């Protein structure tokens, strides 16, 4: 008979998801969803491994070896990348840290789990679209159909302002001001709010969509055909569809995997190319610091060339070849040769 304790898993999970993530840490709903999904996957796996129902799991069942085999399962059976594996591990470490806070007696087990290192991986090349490719994608929606107007407005606003998909989909009608000095208020990471100016062409496409938008109780700008909030999957589906249409006139697009975040990457590259200033690109994408923008510097060959060209002004002059005197090693070799022969 297994002894149940006040620190059993269901109690900890309930407190972690219902109280800790939102009220204590103030994480966004999207981040809470990712953490909850990671924890659910792990508990389902542990339940199978321990041969007990998820609601009968005890914290002692969640030992470091089970965490390690779960991480292997993610890669080998679910086909997750090392990056996804590391994100799942970070979510689990957050939960284990909460458990130790609630019951310090669990600290030894928790510390061993938190000592599990993330897996190193190559970040690869940043995927992005050129301005010409972006234009082809933005021109793909049919401007003569109601939801073509929606899709053109949604894609243009997302790209031009470097929005995260969650930020675009959370945009409410009350967040828009389309009168004099038009702007929109974006709810970003950590609940931060940013007011962003809108250009005349942005105002035009938004007005066209709002005039055609179906009557619905939802106050969100971008809704689906049923008047319900558009989902991330819906956004991704539409973008993939329009990328396929755009590839007919711009074949280079077919060689790229166009995801919603690629639009944000593409915006960063365009701003960096126009300003030559990583700090401005970071501010446009609303990064806290500009170190995270450094990845775009490595992706842009023009930026690399500009850096090399700038270094040519350091006053370093080309020299003329002159036969040098033998160094220490050469002198020793000559001495040794003379000695032997």
C-alpha atoms as a PDB file:
ATOM      1  CA  UNK A   1       0.000   0.000   0.000  1.00  0.00           C
ATOM      2  CA  UNK A   2       1.517   3.281  -1.115  1.00  0.00           C
ATOM      3  CA  UNK A   3       1.497   6.041   1.491  1.00  0.00           C
ATOM      4  CA  UNK A   4      -0.049   9.260   0.230  1.00  0.00           C
ATOM      5  CA  UNK A   5       1.402  12.484   1.517  1.00  0.00           C
ATOM      6  CA  UNK A   6       0.300  16.137   1.406  1.00  0.00           C
ATOM      7  CA  UNK A   7       2.887  16.681  -1.340  1.00  0.00           C
ATOM      8  CA  UNK A   8       1.323  14.208  -3.801  1.00  0.00           C
ATOM      9  CA  UNK A   9       1.558  15.114  -7.462  1.00  0.00           C
ATOM     10  CA  UNK A  10      -2.079  16.153  -8.150  1.00  0.00           C
ATOM     11  CA  UNK A  11      -1.959  18.686  -5.320  1.00  0.00           C
ATOM     12  CA  UNK A  12       1.333  20.146  -6.546  1.00  0.00           C
ATOM     13  CA  UNK A  13       0.204  20.267 -10.178  1.00  0.00           C
ATOM     14  CA  UNK A  14      -3.023  22.029  -9.233  1.00  0.00           C
ATOM     15  CA  UNK A  15      -1.220  24.715  -7.232  1.00  0.00           C
ATOM     16  CA  UNK A  16       1.467  25.126  -9.885  1.00  0.00           C
ATOM     17  CA  UNK A  17      -0.936  25.622 -12.806  1.00  0.00           C
ATOM     18  CA  UNK A  18      -3.754  27.458 -11.032  1.00  0.00           C
ATOM     19  CA  UNK A  19      -1.734  29.793  -8.817  1.00  0.00           C
ATOM     20  CA  UNK A  20       1.983  29.848  -9.457  1.00  0.00           C
ATOM     21  CA  UNK A  21       2.334  30.403 -13.212  1.00  0.00           C
ATOM     22  CA  UNK A  22      -0.262  33.123 -13.600  1.00  0.00           C
ATOM     23  CA  UNK A  23      -0.671  34.875 -10.266  1.00  0.00           C
ATOM     24  CA  UNK A  24       2.850  34.525  -8.850  1.00  0.00           C
ATOM     25  CA  UNK A  25       5.050  34.568 -11.946  1.00  0.00           C
ATOM     26  CA  UNK A  26       2.682  36.550 -14.161  1.00  0.00           C
ATOM     27  CA  UNK A  27       3.391  34.477 -17.267  1.00  0.00           C
ATOM     28  CA  UNK A  28       1.379  35.054 -20.419  1.00  0.00           C
ATOM     29  CA  UNK A  29      -1.473  32.648 -21.234  1.00  0.00           C
ATOM     30  CA  UNK A  30       0.558  31.254 -24.143  1.00  0.00           C
ATOM     31  CA  UNK A  31       3.571  30.502 -21.921  1.00  0.00           C
ATOM     32  CA  UNK A  32       1.309  28.929 -19.312  1.00  0.00           C
ATOM     33  CA  UNK A  33      -0.128  26.726 -22.047  1.00  0.00           C
ATOM     34  CA  UNK A  34       3.341  25.561 -23.103  1.00  0.00           C
ATOM     35  CA  UNK A  35       4.351  24.781 -19.513  1.00  0.00           C
ATOM     36  CA  UNK A  36       1.106  22.903 -18.863  1.00  0.00           C
ATOM     37  CA  UNK A  37       1.491  20.888 -22.067  1.00  0.00           C
ATOM     38  CA  UNK A  38       5.053  19.885 -21.124  1.00  0.00           C
ATOM     39  CA  UNK A  39       3.968  18.834 -17.654  1.00  0.00           C
ATOM     40  CA  UNK A  40       1.015  16.842 -19.027  1.00  0.00           C
ATOM     41  CA  UNK A  41       3.274  14.949 -21.438  1.00  0.00           C
ATOM     42  CA  UNK A  42       5.674  14.097 -18.622  1.00  0.00           C
ATOM     43  CA  UNK A  43       2.953  12.915 -16.238  1.00  0.00           C
ATOM     44  CA  UNK A  44       1.415  10.729 -18.930  1.00  0.00           C
ATOM     45  CA  UNK A  45       4.821   9.197 -19.596  1.00  0.00           C
ATOM     46  CA  UNK A  46       5.558   8.681 -15.884  1.00  0.00           C
ATOM     47  CA  UNK A  47       2.142   7.087 -15.431  1.00  0.00           C
ATOM     48  CA  UNK A  48       2.909   4.489 -18.102  1.00  0.00           C
ATOM     49  CA  UNK A  49       6.408   3.853 -16.757  1.00  0.00           C
ATOM     50  CA  UNK A  50       5.257   3.415 -13.148  1.00  0.00           C
ATOM     51  CA  UNK A  51       2.115   1.471 -14.046  1.00  0.00           C
ATOM     52  CA  UNK A  52      -0.196   3.722 -12.081  1.00  0.00           C
ATOM     53  CA  UNK A  53      -2.937   6.204 -12.927  1.00  0.00           C
ATOM     54  CA  UNK A  54      -1.816   9.843 -13.283  1.00  0.00           C
ATOM     55  CA  UNK A  55      -3.905  10.916 -10.291  1.00  0.00           C
ATOM     56  CA  UNK A  56      -2.176   8.272  -8.138  1.00  0.00           C
ATOM     57  CA  UNK A  57       1.366   9.409  -8.876  1.00  0.00           C
ATOM     58  CA  UNK A  58       3.530  10.485  -5.958  1.00  0.00           C
ATOM     59  CA  UNK A  59       6.370  12.933  -6.186  1.00  0.00           C
ATOM     60  CA  UNK A  60       8.836  10.129  -5.419  1.00  0.00           C
ATOM     61  CA  UNK A  61       7.754   8.549  -8.726  1.00  0.00           C
ATOM     62  CA  UNK A  62       9.168  11.538 -10.600  1.00  0.00           C
ATOM     63  CA  UNK A  63      12.805  10.656 -10.037  1.00  0.00           C
ATOM     64  CA  UNK A  64      15.705  11.989 -12.155  1.00  0.00           C
ATOM     65  CA  UNK A  65      16.003   8.716 -14.109  1.00  0.00           C
ATOM     66  CA  UNK A  66      12.362   9.030 -15.176  1.00  0.00           C
ATOM     67  CA  UNK A  67      13.010  12.602 -16.325  1.00  0.00           C
ATOM     68  CA  UNK A  68      16.019  11.458 -18.365  1.00  0.00           C
ATOM     69  CA  UNK A  69      14.165   8.595 -20.036  1.00  0.00           C
ATOM     70  CA  UNK A  70      11.296  11.003 -20.767  1.00  0.00           C
ATOM     71  CA  UNK A  71      13.708  13.354 -22.553  1.00  0.00           C
ATOM     72  CA  UNK A  72      15.012  10.450 -24.626  1.00  0.00           C
ATOM     73  CA  UNK A  73      11.433   9.449 -25.417  1.00  0.00           C
ATOM     74  CA  UNK A  74      10.723  12.959 -26.723  1.00  0.00           C
ATOM     75  CA  UNK A  75      13.586  12.768 -29.196  1.00  0.00           C
ATOM     76  CA  UNK A  76      13.486   9.113 -30.215  1.00  0.00           C
ATOM     77  CA  UNK A  77       9.755   8.381 -30.310  1.00  0.00           C
ATOM     78  CA  UNK A  78       8.048  11.748 -30.674  1.00  0.00           C
ATOM     79  CA  UNK A  79      10.713  13.132 -33.021  1.00  0.00           C
ATOM     80  CA  UNK A  80      11.269  16.334 -31.054  1.00  0.00           C
ATOM     81  CA  UNK A  81      14.341  18.431 -31.816  1.00  0.00           C
ATOM     82  CA  UNK A  82      16.988  19.131 -29.195  1.00  0.00           C
ATOM     83  CA  UNK A  83      15.587  22.648 -28.889  1.00  0.00           C
ATOM     84  CA  UNK A  84      12.088  21.332 -28.127  1.00  0.00           C
ATOM     85  CA  UNK A  85      13.596  18.849 -25.672  1.00  0.00           C
ATOM     86  CA  UNK A  86      15.328  21.671 -23.840  1.00  0.00           C
ATOM     87  CA  UNK A  87      12.126  23.728 -23.673  1.00  0.00           C
ATOM     88  CA  UNK A  88      10.291  20.777 -22.128  1.00  0.00           C
ATOM     89  CA  UNK A  89      13.123  20.323 -19.646  1.00  0.00           C
ATOM     90  CA  UNK A  90      12.948  24.001 -18.650  1.00  0.00           C
ATOM     91  CA  UNK A  91       9.232  23.643 -17.962  1.00  0.00           C
ATOM     92  CA  UNK A  92       9.835  20.567 -15.791  1.00  0.00           C
ATOM     93  CA  UNK A  93      12.573  22.337 -13.837  1.00  0.00           C
ATOM     94  CA  UNK A  94      10.140  25.162 -13.158  1.00  0.00           C
ATOM     95  CA  UNK A  95       7.604  22.695 -11.747  1.00  0.00           C
ATOM     96  CA  UNK A  96      10.223  20.922  -9.632  1.00  0.00           C
ATOM     97  CA  UNK A  97      11.405  24.260  -8.273  1.00  0.00           C
ATOM     98  CA  UNK A  98       7.837  25.045  -7.221  1.00  0.00           C
ATOM     99  CA  UNK A  99       7.600  21.656  -5.484  1.00  0.00           C
ATOM    100  CA  UNK A 100      10.757  22.349  -3.471  1.00  0.00           C
ATOM    101  CA  UNK A 101       9.389  25.747  -2.475  1.00  0.00           C
ATOM    102  CA  UNK A 102       6.179  24.148  -1.195  1.00  0.00           C
ATOM    103  CA  UNK A 103       8.023  21.356   0.623  1.00  0.00           C
ATOM    104  CA  UNK A 104      11.768  21.770   1.337  1.00  0.00           C
ATOM    105  CA  UNK A 105      11.947  18.053   2.181  1.00  0.00           C
ATOM    106  CA  UNK A 106      11.872  17.445  -1.595  1.00  0.00           C
ATOM    107  CA  UNK A 107      14.964  19.572  -2.176  1.00  0.00           C
ATOM    108  CA  UNK A 108      17.399  16.675  -2.699  1.00  0.00           C
ATOM    109  CA  UNK A 109      15.302  15.087  -5.442  1.00  0.00           C
ATOM    110  CA  UNK A 110      14.579  18.465  -7.001  1.00  0.00           C
ATOM    111  CA  UNK A 111      18.238  19.518  -7.029  1.00  0.00           C
ATOM    112  CA  UNK A 112      19.186  16.342  -8.910  1.00  0.00           C
ATOM    113  CA  UNK A 113      16.530  17.002 -11.536  1.00  0.00           C
ATOM    114  CA  UNK A 114      17.560  20.640 -11.886  1.00  0.00           C
ATOM    115  CA  UNK A 115      21.160  19.474 -12.412  1.00  0.00           C
ATOM    116  CA  UNK A 116      20.154  17.759 -15.674  1.00  0.00           C
ATOM    117  CA  UNK A 117      21.842  19.727 -18.431  1.00  0.00           C
ATOM    118  CA  UNK A 118      20.173  20.901 -21.598  1.00  0.00           C
ATOM    119  CA  UNK A 119      21.344  19.339 -24.830  1.00  0.00           C
ATOM    120  CA  UNK A 120      23.657  21.349 -27.031  1.00  0.00           C
ATOM    121  CA  UNK A 121      22.543  21.851 -30.609  1.00  0.00           C
ATOM    122  CA  UNK A 122      23.361  23.902 -33.654  1.00  0.00           C
ATOM    123  CA  UNK A 123      20.996  26.860 -34.036  1.00  0.00           C
ATOM    124  CA  UNK A 124      21.438  26.790 -37.781  1.00  0.00           C
ATOM    125  CA  UNK A 125      20.671  29.631 -40.160  1.00  0.00           C
ATOM    126  CA  UNK A 126      17.902  32.110 -39.427  1.00  0.00           C
ATOM    127  CA  UNK A 127      15.114  31.653 -41.982  1.00  0.00           C
ATOM    128  CA  UNK A 128      13.715  34.833 -43.480  1.00  0.00           C
ATOM    129  CA  UNK A 129      12.104  36.202 -46.613  1.00  0.00           C
ATOM    130  CA  UNK A 130      13.548  38.928 -48.786  1.00  0.00           C
ATOM    131  CA  UNK A 131      11.434  42.079 -49.266  1.00  0.00           C
ATOM    132  CA  UNK A 132      10.476  40.853 -52.735  1.00  0.00           C
ATOM    133  CA  UNK A 133       9.346  37.501 -51.336  1.00  0.00           C
ATOM    134  CA  UNK A 134       7.382  39.210 -48.556  1.00  0.00           C
ATOM    135  CA  UNK A 135       5.614  41.396 -51.137  1.00  0.00           C
ATOM    136  CA  UNK A 136       4.625  38.295 -53.102  1.00  0.00           C
ATOM    137  CA  UNK A 137       3.135  36.706 -49.967  1.00  0.00           C
ATOM    138  CA  UNK A 138       1.263  39.886 -49.002  1.00  0.00           C
ATOM    139  CA  UNK A 139      -0.194  40.140 -52.520  1.00  0.00           C
ATOM    140  CA  UNK A 140      -1.438  36.535 -52.448  1.00  0.00           C
ATOM    141  CA  UNK A 141      -4.764  37.104 -50.576  1.00  0.00           C
ATOM    142  CA  UNK A 142      -7.706  37.985 -52.821  1.00  0.00           C
ATOM    143  CA  UNK A 143      -8.581  41.670 -52.174  1.00  0.00           C
ATOM    144  CA  UNK A 144     -12.052  41.098 -53.649  1.00  0.00           C
ATOM    145  CA  UNK A 145     -13.117  38.601 -50.990  1.00  0.00           C
ATOM    146  CA  UNK A 146     -14.097  39.335 -47.383  1.00  0.00           C
ATOM    147  CA  UNK A 147     -11.528  37.077 -45.792  1.00  0.00           C
ATOM    148  CA  UNK A 148      -8.906  37.985 -48.360  1.00  0.00           C
ATOM    149  CA  UNK A 149      -9.148  41.493 -46.906  1.00  0.00           C
ATOM    150  CA  UNK A 150      -8.712  40.025 -43.413  1.00  0.00           C
ATOM    151  CA  UNK A 151      -5.692  37.966 -44.382  1.00  0.00           C
ATOM    152  CA  UNK A 152      -3.927  40.807 -46.193  1.00  0.00           C
ATOM    153  CA  UNK A 153      -4.444  43.139 -43.217  1.00  0.00           C
ATOM    154  CA  UNK A 154      -3.353  40.486 -40.725  1.00  0.00           C
ATOM    155  CA  UNK A 155      -0.189  39.515 -42.604  1.00  0.00           C
ATOM    156  CA  UNK A 156       0.801  43.119 -43.357  1.00  0.00           C
ATOM    157  CA  UNK A 157       0.338  44.293 -39.757  1.00  0.00           C
ATOM    158  CA  UNK A 158       2.220  41.273 -38.418  1.00  0.00           C
ATOM    159  CA  UNK A 159       5.168  41.688 -40.775  1.00  0.00           C
ATOM    160  CA  UNK A 160       5.500  45.472 -40.813  1.00  0.00           C
ATOM    161  CA  UNK A 161       5.466  45.728 -37.017  1.00  0.00           C
ATOM    162  CA  UNK A 162       7.447  42.566 -36.267  1.00  0.00           C
ATOM    163  CA  UNK A 163       4.579  41.152 -34.216  1.00  0.00           C
ATOM    164  CA  UNK A 164       4.540  37.775 -32.560  1.00  0.00           C
ATOM    165  CA  UNK A 165       1.565  35.713 -33.718  1.00  0.00           C
ATOM    166  CA  UNK A 166       0.037  35.876 -30.235  1.00  0.00           C
ATOM    167  CA  UNK A 167       0.287  39.684 -30.303  1.00  0.00           C
ATOM    168  CA  UNK A 168      -1.473  39.914 -33.670  1.00  0.00           C
ATOM    169  CA  UNK A 169      -4.252  37.547 -32.626  1.00  0.00           C
ATOM    170  CA  UNK A 170      -4.816  39.355 -29.293  1.00  0.00           C
ATOM    171  CA  UNK A 171      -5.259  42.714 -31.029  1.00  0.00           C
ATOM    172  CA  UNK A 172      -8.643  44.147 -30.093  1.00  0.00           C
ATOM    173  CA  UNK A 173     -10.777  46.700 -31.904  1.00  0.00           C
ATOM    174  CA  UNK A 174     -10.316  49.006 -28.913  1.00  0.00           C
ATOM    175  CA  UNK A 175      -6.542  48.771 -29.387  1.00  0.00           C
ATOM    176  CA  UNK A 176      -6.782  50.541 -32.754  1.00  0.00           C
ATOM    177  CA  UNK A 177      -6.921  54.265 -33.377  1.00  0.00           C
ATOM    178  CA  UNK A 178      -7.346  54.957 -37.091  1.00  0.00           C
ATOM    179  CA  UNK A 179      -7.973  58.701 -36.893  1.00  0.00           C
ATOM    180  CA  UNK A 180      -5.332  61.422 -36.809  1.00  0.00           C
ATOM    181  CA  UNK A 181      -1.914  60.068 -35.803  1.00  0.00           C
ATOM    182  CA  UNK A 182      -3.111  56.436 -36.163  1.00  0.00           C
ATOM    183  CA  UNK A 183      -1.630  53.811 -33.875  1.00  0.00           C
ATOM    184  CA  UNK A 184      -2.305  50.487 -32.193  1.00  0.00           C
ATOM    185  CA  UNK A 185      -1.598  49.208 -28.698  1.00  0.00           C
ATOM    186  CA  UNK A 186       0.170  45.853 -28.523  1.00  0.00           C
ATOM    187  CA  UNK A 187       0.052  43.585 -25.480  1.00  0.00           C
ATOM    188  CA  UNK A 188       3.479  41.963 -25.486  1.00  0.00           C
ATOM    189  CA  UNK A 189       5.434  39.541 -23.361  1.00  0.00           C
ATOM    190  CA  UNK A 190       5.023  39.826 -19.619  1.00  0.00           C
ATOM    191  CA  UNK A 191       1.923  41.996 -19.996  1.00  0.00           C
ATOM    192  CA  UNK A 192       3.867  44.960 -21.387  1.00  0.00           C
ATOM    193  CA  UNK A 193       1.988  47.411 -23.595  1.00  0.00           C
ATOM    194  CA  UNK A 194       3.519  49.193 -26.558  1.00  0.00           C
ATOM    195  CA  UNK A 195       1.939  51.861 -28.735  1.00  0.00           C
ATOM    196  CA  UNK A 196       3.001  51.522 -32.374  1.00  0.00           C
ATOM    197  CA  UNK A 197       2.362  54.026 -35.134  1.00  0.00           C
ATOM    198  CA  UNK A 198       0.445  52.941 -38.222  1.00  0.00           C
ATOM    199  CA  UNK A 199       1.313  54.043 -41.736  1.00  0.00           C
ATOM    200  CA  UNK A 200      -1.391  55.146 -44.188  1.00  0.00           C
ATOM    201  CA  UNK A 201      -1.309  51.826 -46.061  1.00  0.00           C
ATOM    202  CA  UNK A 202      -1.765  49.989 -42.744  1.00  0.00           C
ATOM    203  CA  UNK A 203      -4.794  52.131 -41.949  1.00  0.00           C
ATOM    204  CA  UNK A 204      -6.253  51.445 -45.403  1.00  0.00           C
ATOM    205  CA  UNK A 205      -6.086  47.657 -45.133  1.00  0.00           C
ATOM    206  CA  UNK A 206      -7.407  47.682 -41.556  1.00  0.00           C
ATOM    207  CA  UNK A 207     -10.363  49.893 -42.479  1.00  0.00           C
ATOM    208  CA  UNK A 208     -11.154  47.688 -45.471  1.00  0.00           C
ATOM    209  CA  UNK A 209     -11.245  44.614 -43.244  1.00  0.00           C
ATOM    210  CA  UNK A 210     -13.208  46.232 -40.422  1.00  0.00           C
ATOM    211  CA  UNK A 211     -15.854  47.349 -42.943  1.00  0.00           C
ATOM    212  CA  UNK A 212     -16.164  43.772 -44.203  1.00  0.00           C
ATOM    213  CA  UNK A 213     -15.751  42.069 -40.810  1.00  0.00           C
ATOM    214  CA  UNK A 214     -18.809  39.991 -39.833  1.00  0.00           C
ATOM    215  CA  UNK A 215     -20.932  41.062 -36.884  1.00  0.00           C
ATOM    216  CA  UNK A 216     -19.809  39.095 -33.838  1.00  0.00           C
ATOM    217  CA  UNK A 217     -19.633  39.360 -30.066  1.00  0.00           C
ATOM    218  CA  UNK A 218     -15.856  39.007 -30.187  1.00  0.00           C
ATOM    219  CA  UNK A 219     -13.936  42.262 -29.796  1.00  0.00           C
ATOM    220  CA  UNK A 220     -10.807  40.861 -31.457  1.00  0.00           C
ATOM    221  CA  UNK A 221      -9.811  42.356 -34.787  1.00  0.00           C
ATOM    222  CA  UNK A 222      -9.071  39.074 -36.550  1.00  0.00           C
ATOM    223  CA  UNK A 223     -11.836  36.476 -36.334  1.00  0.00           C
ATOM    224  CA  UNK A 224     -12.605  33.353 -38.343  1.00  0.00           C
ATOM    225  CA  UNK A 225     -15.591  32.704 -40.604  1.00  0.00           C
ATOM    226  CA  UNK A 226     -17.708  31.794 -37.602  1.00  0.00           C
ATOM    227  CA  UNK A 227     -16.907  35.062 -35.849  1.00  0.00           C
ATOM    228  CA  UNK A 228     -14.717  33.266 -33.309  1.00  0.00           C
ATOM    229  CA  UNK A 229     -11.108  34.237 -32.420  1.00  0.00           C
ATOM    230  CA  UNK A 230      -8.607  33.079 -35.024  1.00  0.00           C
ATOM    231  CA  UNK A 231      -6.149  30.505 -33.648  1.00  0.00           C
ATOM    232  CA  UNK A 232      -2.387  30.149 -34.044  1.00  0.00           C
ATOM    233  CA  UNK A 233      -2.948  27.035 -36.129  1.00  0.00           C
ATOM    234  CA  UNK A 234      -5.366  28.954 -38.310  1.00  0.00           C
ATOM    235  CA  UNK A 235      -2.803  31.724 -38.822  1.00  0.00           C
ATOM    236  CA  UNK A 236      -0.102  29.170 -39.702  1.00  0.00           C
ATOM    237  CA  UNK A 237      -2.418  27.375 -42.150  1.00  0.00           C
ATOM    238  CA  UNK A 238      -3.265  30.613 -43.957  1.00  0.00           C
ATOM    239  CA  UNK A 239       0.364  31.701 -44.182  1.00  0.00           C
ATOM    240  CA  UNK A 240       1.403  28.325 -45.618  1.00  0.00           C
ATOM    241  CA  UNK A 241      -1.384  28.555 -48.158  1.00  0.00           C
ATOM    242  CA  UNK A 242      -0.404  32.045 -49.290  1.00  0.00           C
ATOM    243  CA  UNK A 243       3.282  31.122 -49.419  1.00  0.00           C
ATOM    244  CA  UNK A 244       2.332  28.362 -51.860  1.00  0.00           C
ATOM    245  CA  UNK A 245       0.420  30.844 -54.021  1.00  0.00           C
ATOM    246  CA  UNK A 246       3.281  33.371 -53.874  1.00  0.00           C
ATOM    247  CA  UNK A 247       5.788  30.689 -54.917  1.00  0.00           C
ATOM    248  CA  UNK A 248       4.142  30.556 -58.336  1.00  0.00           C
ATOM    249  CA  UNK A 249       5.405  34.080 -59.087  1.00  0.00           C
ATOM    250  CA  UNK A 250       8.438  33.960 -56.802  1.00  0.00           C
ATOM    251  CA  UNK A 251       9.889  30.400 -57.064  1.00  0.00           C
ATOM    252  CA  UNK A 252      12.562  31.052 -54.411  1.00  0.00           C
ATOM    253  CA  UNK A 253       9.817  30.915 -51.747  1.00  0.00           C
ATOM    254  CA  UNK A 254       9.247  27.225 -52.487  1.00  0.00           C
ATOM    255  CA  UNK A 255      12.712  26.438 -51.111  1.00  0.00           C
ATOM    256  CA  UNK A 256      11.853  27.978 -47.729  1.00  0.00           C
ATOM    257  CA  UNK A 257       9.676  26.803 -44.867  1.00  0.00           C
ATOM    258  CA  UNK A 258       7.495  29.841 -44.235  1.00  0.00           C
ATOM    259  CA  UNK A 259       6.204  29.837 -40.653  1.00  0.00           C
ATOM    260  CA  UNK A 260       4.535  32.672 -38.716  1.00  0.00           C
ATOM    261  CA  UNK A 261       7.771  33.477 -36.890  1.00  0.00           C
ATOM    262  CA  UNK A 262       9.549  33.792 -40.233  1.00  0.00           C
ATOM    263  CA  UNK A 263       7.564  36.987 -40.801  1.00  0.00           C
ATOM    264  CA  UNK A 264       9.063  38.415 -37.600  1.00  0.00           C
ATOM    265  CA  UNK A 265      12.542  37.312 -38.660  1.00  0.00           C
ATOM    266  CA  UNK A 266      11.979  38.918 -42.057  1.00  0.00           C
ATOM    267  CA  UNK A 267      10.975  42.196 -40.435  1.00  0.00           C
ATOM    268  CA  UNK A 268      14.125  42.161 -38.309  1.00  0.00           C
ATOM    269  CA  UNK A 269      16.302  41.601 -41.356  1.00  0.00           C
ATOM    270  CA  UNK A 270      14.594  44.416 -43.274  1.00  0.00           C
ATOM    271  CA  UNK A 271      15.016  46.894 -40.394  1.00  0.00           C
ATOM    272  CA  UNK A 272      18.633  45.856 -39.897  1.00  0.00           C
ATOM    273  CA  UNK A 273      19.385  46.316 -43.584  1.00  0.00           C
ATOM    274  CA  UNK A 274      17.721  49.745 -43.659  1.00  0.00           C
ATOM    275  CA  UNK A 275      19.252  51.141 -40.459  1.00  0.00           C
ATOM    276  CA  UNK A 276      22.535  49.198 -40.099  1.00  0.00           C
ATOM    277  CA  UNK A 277      21.839  49.426 -36.362  1.00  0.00           C
ATOM    278  CA  UNK A 278      21.037  46.292 -34.308  1.00  0.00           C
ATOM    279  CA  UNK A 279      19.675  48.469 -31.492  1.00  0.00           C
ATOM    280  CA  UNK A 280      16.996  49.945 -33.756  1.00  0.00           C
ATOM    281  CA  UNK A 281      16.050  46.492 -34.979  1.00  0.00           C
ATOM    282  CA  UNK A 282      15.805  45.306 -31.368  1.00  0.00           C
ATOM    283  CA  UNK A 283      13.606  48.277 -30.409  1.00  0.00           C
ATOM    284  CA  UNK A 284      11.325  47.704 -33.406  1.00  0.00           C
ATOM    285  CA  UNK A 285      10.790  44.088 -32.345  1.00  0.00           C
ATOM    286  CA  UNK A 286      10.467  45.199 -28.694  1.00  0.00           C
ATOM    287  CA  UNK A 287      13.311  43.077 -27.366  1.00  0.00           C
ATOM    288  CA  UNK A 288      14.425  43.968 -23.841  1.00  0.00           C
ATOM    289  CA  UNK A 289      18.053  44.082 -24.992  1.00  0.00           C
ATOM    290  CA  UNK A 290      19.684  43.942 -28.386  1.00  0.00           C
ATOM    291  CA  UNK A 291      21.925  40.934 -27.738  1.00  0.00           C
ATOM    292  CA  UNK A 292      19.163  38.634 -29.014  1.00  0.00           C
ATOM    293  CA  UNK A 293      19.267  40.465 -32.346  1.00  0.00           C
ATOM    294  CA  UNK A 294      22.873  39.347 -32.926  1.00  0.00           C
ATOM    295  CA  UNK A 295      21.690  36.168 -34.604  1.00  0.00           C
ATOM    296  CA  UNK A 296      20.457  38.286 -37.528  1.00  0.00           C
ATOM    297  CA  UNK A 297      23.904  39.787 -37.986  1.00  0.00           C
ATOM    298  CA  UNK A 298      25.281  36.335 -38.743  1.00  0.00           C
ATOM    299  CA  UNK A 299      22.431  35.604 -41.153  1.00  0.00           C
ATOM    300  CA  UNK A 300      22.870  38.720 -43.288  1.00  0.00           C
ATOM    301  CA  UNK A 301      25.856  38.500 -45.691  1.00  0.00           C
ATOM    302  CA  UNK A 302      25.494  42.190 -46.566  1.00  0.00           C
ATOM    303  CA  UNK A 303      25.881  43.106 -42.897  1.00  0.00           C
ATOM    304  CA  UNK A 304      28.983  40.931 -42.644  1.00  0.00           C
ATOM    305  CA  UNK A 305      30.467  42.616 -45.710  1.00  0.00           C
ATOM    306  CA  UNK A 306      29.688  46.058 -44.264  1.00  0.00           C
ATOM    307  CA  UNK A 307      31.530  45.104 -41.089  1.00  0.00           C
ATOM    308  CA  UNK A 308      34.593  43.996 -43.018  1.00  0.00           C
ATOM    309  CA  UNK A 309      34.513  47.169 -45.120  1.00  0.00           C
ATOM    310  CA  UNK A 310      34.332  49.330 -42.007  1.00  0.00           C
ATOM    311  CA  UNK A 311      37.465  47.663 -40.660  1.00  0.00           C
ATOM    312  CA  UNK A 312      39.380  48.800 -43.744  1.00  0.00           C
ATOM    313  CA  UNK A 313      39.454  52.329 -42.276  1.00  0.00           C
ATOM    314  CA  UNK A 314      41.628  51.398 -39.300  1.00  0.00           C
ATOM    315  CA  UNK A 315      44.784  52.756 -40.908  1.00  0.00           C
ATOM    316  CA  UNK A 316      46.422  49.365 -41.500  1.00  0.00           C
ATOM    317  CA  UNK A 317      48.656  49.694 -44.556  1.00  0.00           C
ATOM    318  CA  UNK A 318      49.791  46.832 -46.770  1.00  0.00           C
ATOM    319  CA  UNK A 319      53.433  45.971 -46.260  1.00  0.00           C
ATOM    320  CA  UNK A 320      56.185  44.830 -48.637  1.00  0.00           C
ATOM    321  CA  UNK A 321      57.711  41.399 -48.492  1.00  0.00           C
ATOM    322  CA  UNK A 322      61.165  41.258 -46.967  1.00  0.00           C
ATOM    323  CA  UNK A 323      63.112  38.108 -46.241  1.00  0.00           C
ATOM    324  CA  UNK A 324      63.173  37.748 -42.484  1.00  0.00           C
ATOM    325  CA  UNK A 325      66.006  36.643 -40.299  1.00  0.00           C
ATOM    326  CA  UNK A 326      65.815  33.032 -39.155  1.00  0.00           C
ATOM    327  CA  UNK A 327      63.795  32.512 -36.003  1.00  0.00           C
ATOM    328  CA  UNK A 328      64.849  30.556 -32.947  1.00  0.00           C
ATOM    329  CA  UNK A 329      63.632  27.204 -34.260  1.00  0.00           C
ATOM    330  CA  UNK A 330      65.214  27.763 -37.659  1.00  0.00           C
ATOM    331  CA  UNK A 331      68.492  28.723 -35.992  1.00  0.00           C
ATOM    332  CA  UNK A 332      68.424  25.531 -33.934  1.00  0.00           C
ATOM    333  CA  UNK A 333      67.768  23.477 -37.053  1.00  0.00           C
ATOM    334  CA  UNK A 334      70.696  25.105 -38.848  1.00  0.00           C
ATOM    335  CA  UNK A 335      72.965  24.536 -35.885  1.00  0.00           C
ATOM    336  CA  UNK A 336      71.867  20.915 -35.650  1.00  0.00           C
ATOM    337  CA  UNK A 337      72.403  20.426 -39.399  1.00  0.00           C
ATOM    338  CA  UNK A 338      75.896  21.874 -39.264  1.00  0.00           C
ATOM    339  CA  UNK A 339      76.709  19.712 -36.291  1.00  0.00           C
ATOM    340  CA  UNK A 340      75.524  16.515 -37.927  1.00  0.00           C
ATOM    341  CA  UNK A 341      76.994  17.168 -41.322  1.00  0.00           C
END
